[in-house]
Amino acid sequence: MSTYTAQVLWERGDSDFLGKRYSRRHSVAFDGGARTLWSSSPQHVPVPLSDASAIDPEEAFVASVSSCHMLWFLALAANQGYCVDRYADEPAGQLGKNSDGRLGLTVVTLRPAVQFSGEKQPSAVELAQLHEHAHEQCYIANSVRSEIRIEPQ
């Protein structure tokens, strides 16, 4: 089994915590050394208490689903002899009530646009199968209850 870690750090500074006037901005450090700024979504906690330029957990979740799907797609395409030159996605997550009546990202839609080169090109059916198999293998997709839709472009 693999273990994945991160370090999340928030500090109050001189903000009014008990008055709920504190910044939601915090840092996240990953085991490879990348350090990023995160915050609550400005859609839920208004600026300046949220930092609109930072990553929020909802968009990170959507990006994680997309990234995992892409990495599996690339591996599967390479294994089948397809040369991928470019893979672009503009994923979107919808916040709604889940089956328990709680708010959650209930649908994540991936819209991958893939460009291939070389003599071997996947047919539309083979492309759909690559995406289907990538979805089946994706660790993130296999870890969540959200519906994940894939709409190749």
Protein backbone atom coordinates (compact mmCIF):
# COMPACT_ATOMS: atom_id res chain seq x y z
CA MET A 1 0.00 0.00 0.00
CA SER A 2 1.12 3.53 -0.74
CA THR A 3 0.73 6.48 1.59
CA TYR A 4 0.34 10.05 0.39
CA THR A 5 0.98 13.01 2.63
CA ALA A 6 0.78 16.78 2.65
CA GLN A 7 1.35 19.47 5.22
CA VAL A 8 -1.46 21.98 5.73
CA LEU A 9 -0.66 25.13 7.71
CA TRP A 10 -3.00 27.96 8.74
CA GLU A 11 -2.04 30.68 11.21
CA ARG A 12 -4.40 33.28 12.67
CA GLY A 13 -1.99 36.19 12.79
CA ASP A 14 -3.73 39.25 14.26
CA SER A 15 -7.18 38.52 12.81
CA ASP A 16 -10.40 38.44 14.84
CA PHE A 17 -10.96 34.69 15.02
CA LEU A 18 -13.87 34.68 17.48
CA GLY A 19 -15.57 37.42 15.47
CA LYS A 20 -15.20 35.14 12.41
CA ARG A 21 -13.17 37.83 10.60
CA TYR A 22 -10.16 35.63 9.91
CA SER A 23 -8.49 34.78 6.63
CA ARG A 24 -9.11 31.31 5.25
CA ARG A 25 -5.85 31.46 3.31
CA HIS A 26 -3.38 28.71 4.17
CA SER A 27 -0.48 26.82 2.65
CA VAL A 28 -0.24 23.24 1.55
CA ALA A 29 3.13 21.57 1.07
CA PHE A 30 3.43 18.31 -0.78
CA ASP A 31 6.03 15.59 -0.25
CA GLY A 32 7.82 16.49 -3.49
CA GLY A 33 8.45 20.02 -2.25
CA ALA A 34 5.73 21.99 -4.03
CA ARG A 35 4.11 24.58 -1.78
CA THR A 36 0.84 26.18 -2.82
CA LEU A 37 -1.56 28.73 -1.40
CA TRP A 38 -5.08 27.55 -0.68
CA SER A 39 -8.22 29.22 0.61
CA SER A 40 -11.92 28.69 0.97
CA SER A 41 -13.88 29.30 -2.22
CA PRO A 42 -14.87 32.95 -2.66
CA GLN A 43 -18.22 31.55 -3.80
CA HIS A 44 -18.85 30.56 -0.17
CA VAL A 45 -16.71 32.87 1.95
CA PRO A 46 -16.43 36.40 0.55
CA VAL A 47 -13.17 38.16 -0.28
CA PRO A 48 -11.13 39.36 1.64
CA LEU A 49 -11.73 36.46 4.03
CA SER A 50 -11.09 34.17 1.05
CA ASP A 51 -8.21 34.62 -1.35
CA ALA A 52 -9.58 34.33 -4.90
CA SER A 53 -6.07 33.81 -6.30
CA ALA A 54 -5.49 30.71 -4.15
CA ILE A 55 -6.58 27.14 -4.81
CA ASP A 56 -9.79 26.13 -3.08
CA PRO A 57 -10.56 22.51 -2.10
CA GLU A 58 -13.44 22.24 -4.56
CA GLU A 59 -11.36 23.21 -7.59
CA ALA A 60 -8.48 21.03 -6.36
CA PHE A 61 -10.86 18.08 -6.19
CA VAL A 62 -12.04 18.70 -9.76
CA ALA A 63 -8.43 19.08 -10.94
CA SER A 64 -7.44 15.85 -9.13
CA VAL A 65 -10.14 13.87 -10.91
CA SER A 66 -9.07 15.33 -14.25
CA SER A 67 -5.35 14.80 -13.65
CA CYS A 68 -5.78 11.18 -12.56
CA HIS A 69 -7.98 10.41 -15.58
CA MET A 70 -5.43 12.04 -17.90
CA LEU A 71 -2.49 10.11 -16.44
CA TRP A 72 -4.31 6.80 -16.90
CA PHE A 73 -5.41 7.78 -20.41
CA LEU A 74 -1.82 8.60 -21.41
CA ALA A 75 -0.53 5.29 -20.03
CA LEU A 76 -3.24 3.28 -21.77
CA ALA A 77 -2.78 5.14 -25.08
CA ALA A 78 0.99 4.52 -24.99
CA ASN A 79 0.41 0.83 -24.20
CA GLN A 80 -1.82 0.56 -27.27
CA GLY A 81 0.66 2.32 -29.56
CA TYR A 82 -1.14 5.66 -29.93
CA CYS A 83 1.11 8.73 -29.85
CA VAL A 84 -0.56 11.51 -27.86
CA ASP A 85 0.78 14.97 -28.67
CA ARG A 86 -1.58 17.04 -26.56
CA TYR A 87 -4.22 16.43 -23.91
CA ALA A 88 -6.26 19.39 -22.67
CA ASP A 89 -9.22 19.35 -20.31
CA GLU A 90 -11.53 21.94 -18.84
CA PRO A 91 -13.21 19.98 -16.05
CA ALA A 92 -16.12 21.34 -14.06
CA GLY A 93 -17.65 20.26 -10.75
CA GLN A 94 -21.22 20.89 -9.66
CA LEU A 95 -22.03 21.49 -6.03
CA GLY A 96 -25.36 19.99 -5.01
CA LYS A 97 -27.05 17.83 -2.43
CA ASN A 98 -25.84 14.25 -2.33
CA SER A 99 -27.94 11.18 -1.53
CA ASP A 100 -27.62 11.98 2.19
CA GLY A 101 -28.98 15.51 1.63
CA ARG A 102 -25.58 17.12 2.30
CA LEU A 103 -23.75 19.52 0.03
CA GLY A 104 -21.04 17.92 -2.04
CA LEU A 105 -19.51 17.93 -5.47
CA THR A 106 -22.08 15.57 -6.93
CA VAL A 107 -20.99 15.64 -10.57
CA VAL A 108 -17.58 16.20 -12.11
CA THR A 109 -17.55 16.53 -15.88
CA LEU A 110 -14.31 16.04 -17.79
CA ARG A 111 -14.02 17.43 -21.30
CA PRO A 112 -10.72 16.06 -22.61
CA ALA A 113 -9.55 17.08 -26.06
CA VAL A 114 -6.77 14.80 -27.26
CA GLN A 115 -4.52 15.23 -30.27
CA PHE A 116 -2.64 12.26 -31.71
CA SER A 117 0.12 11.97 -34.29
CA GLY A 118 1.55 9.11 -36.26
CA GLU A 119 0.02 6.52 -38.51
CA LYS A 120 -1.95 4.74 -35.80
CA GLN A 121 -4.98 6.82 -34.87
CA PRO A 122 -7.80 5.62 -32.59
CA SER A 123 -11.28 5.39 -34.05
CA ALA A 124 -14.11 7.12 -32.21
CA VAL A 125 -14.99 3.78 -30.59
CA GLU A 126 -11.38 3.13 -29.56
CA LEU A 127 -11.08 6.67 -28.16
CA ALA A 128 -14.24 6.16 -26.09
CA GLN A 129 -12.85 2.84 -24.84
CA LEU A 130 -9.57 4.49 -23.83
CA HIS A 131 -11.52 7.04 -21.77
CA GLU A 132 -13.74 4.33 -20.28
CA HIS A 133 -10.74 2.25 -19.24
CA ALA A 134 -8.93 5.32 -17.86
CA HIS A 135 -12.00 6.11 -15.77
CA GLU A 136 -12.16 2.54 -14.47
CA GLN A 137 -8.48 2.68 -13.42
CA CYS A 138 -8.44 6.20 -11.93
CA TYR A 139 -7.68 6.03 -8.21
CA ILE A 140 -9.47 9.30 -7.53
CA ALA A 141 -12.62 8.27 -9.41
CA ASN A 142 -12.57 4.99 -7.51
CA SER A 143 -12.36 6.90 -4.22
CA VAL A 144 -15.37 9.19 -4.45
CA ARG A 145 -19.14 8.98 -4.53
CA SER A 146 -19.56 11.77 -7.05
CA GLU A 147 -20.74 10.93 -10.51
CA ILE A 148 -17.89 11.56 -12.94
CA ARG A 149 -18.81 12.22 -16.56
CA ILE A 150 -16.36 12.13 -19.43
CA GLU A 151 -17.28 14.11 -22.54
CA PRO A 152 -14.37 13.90 -25.01
CA GLN A 153 -14.14 16.95 -27.25
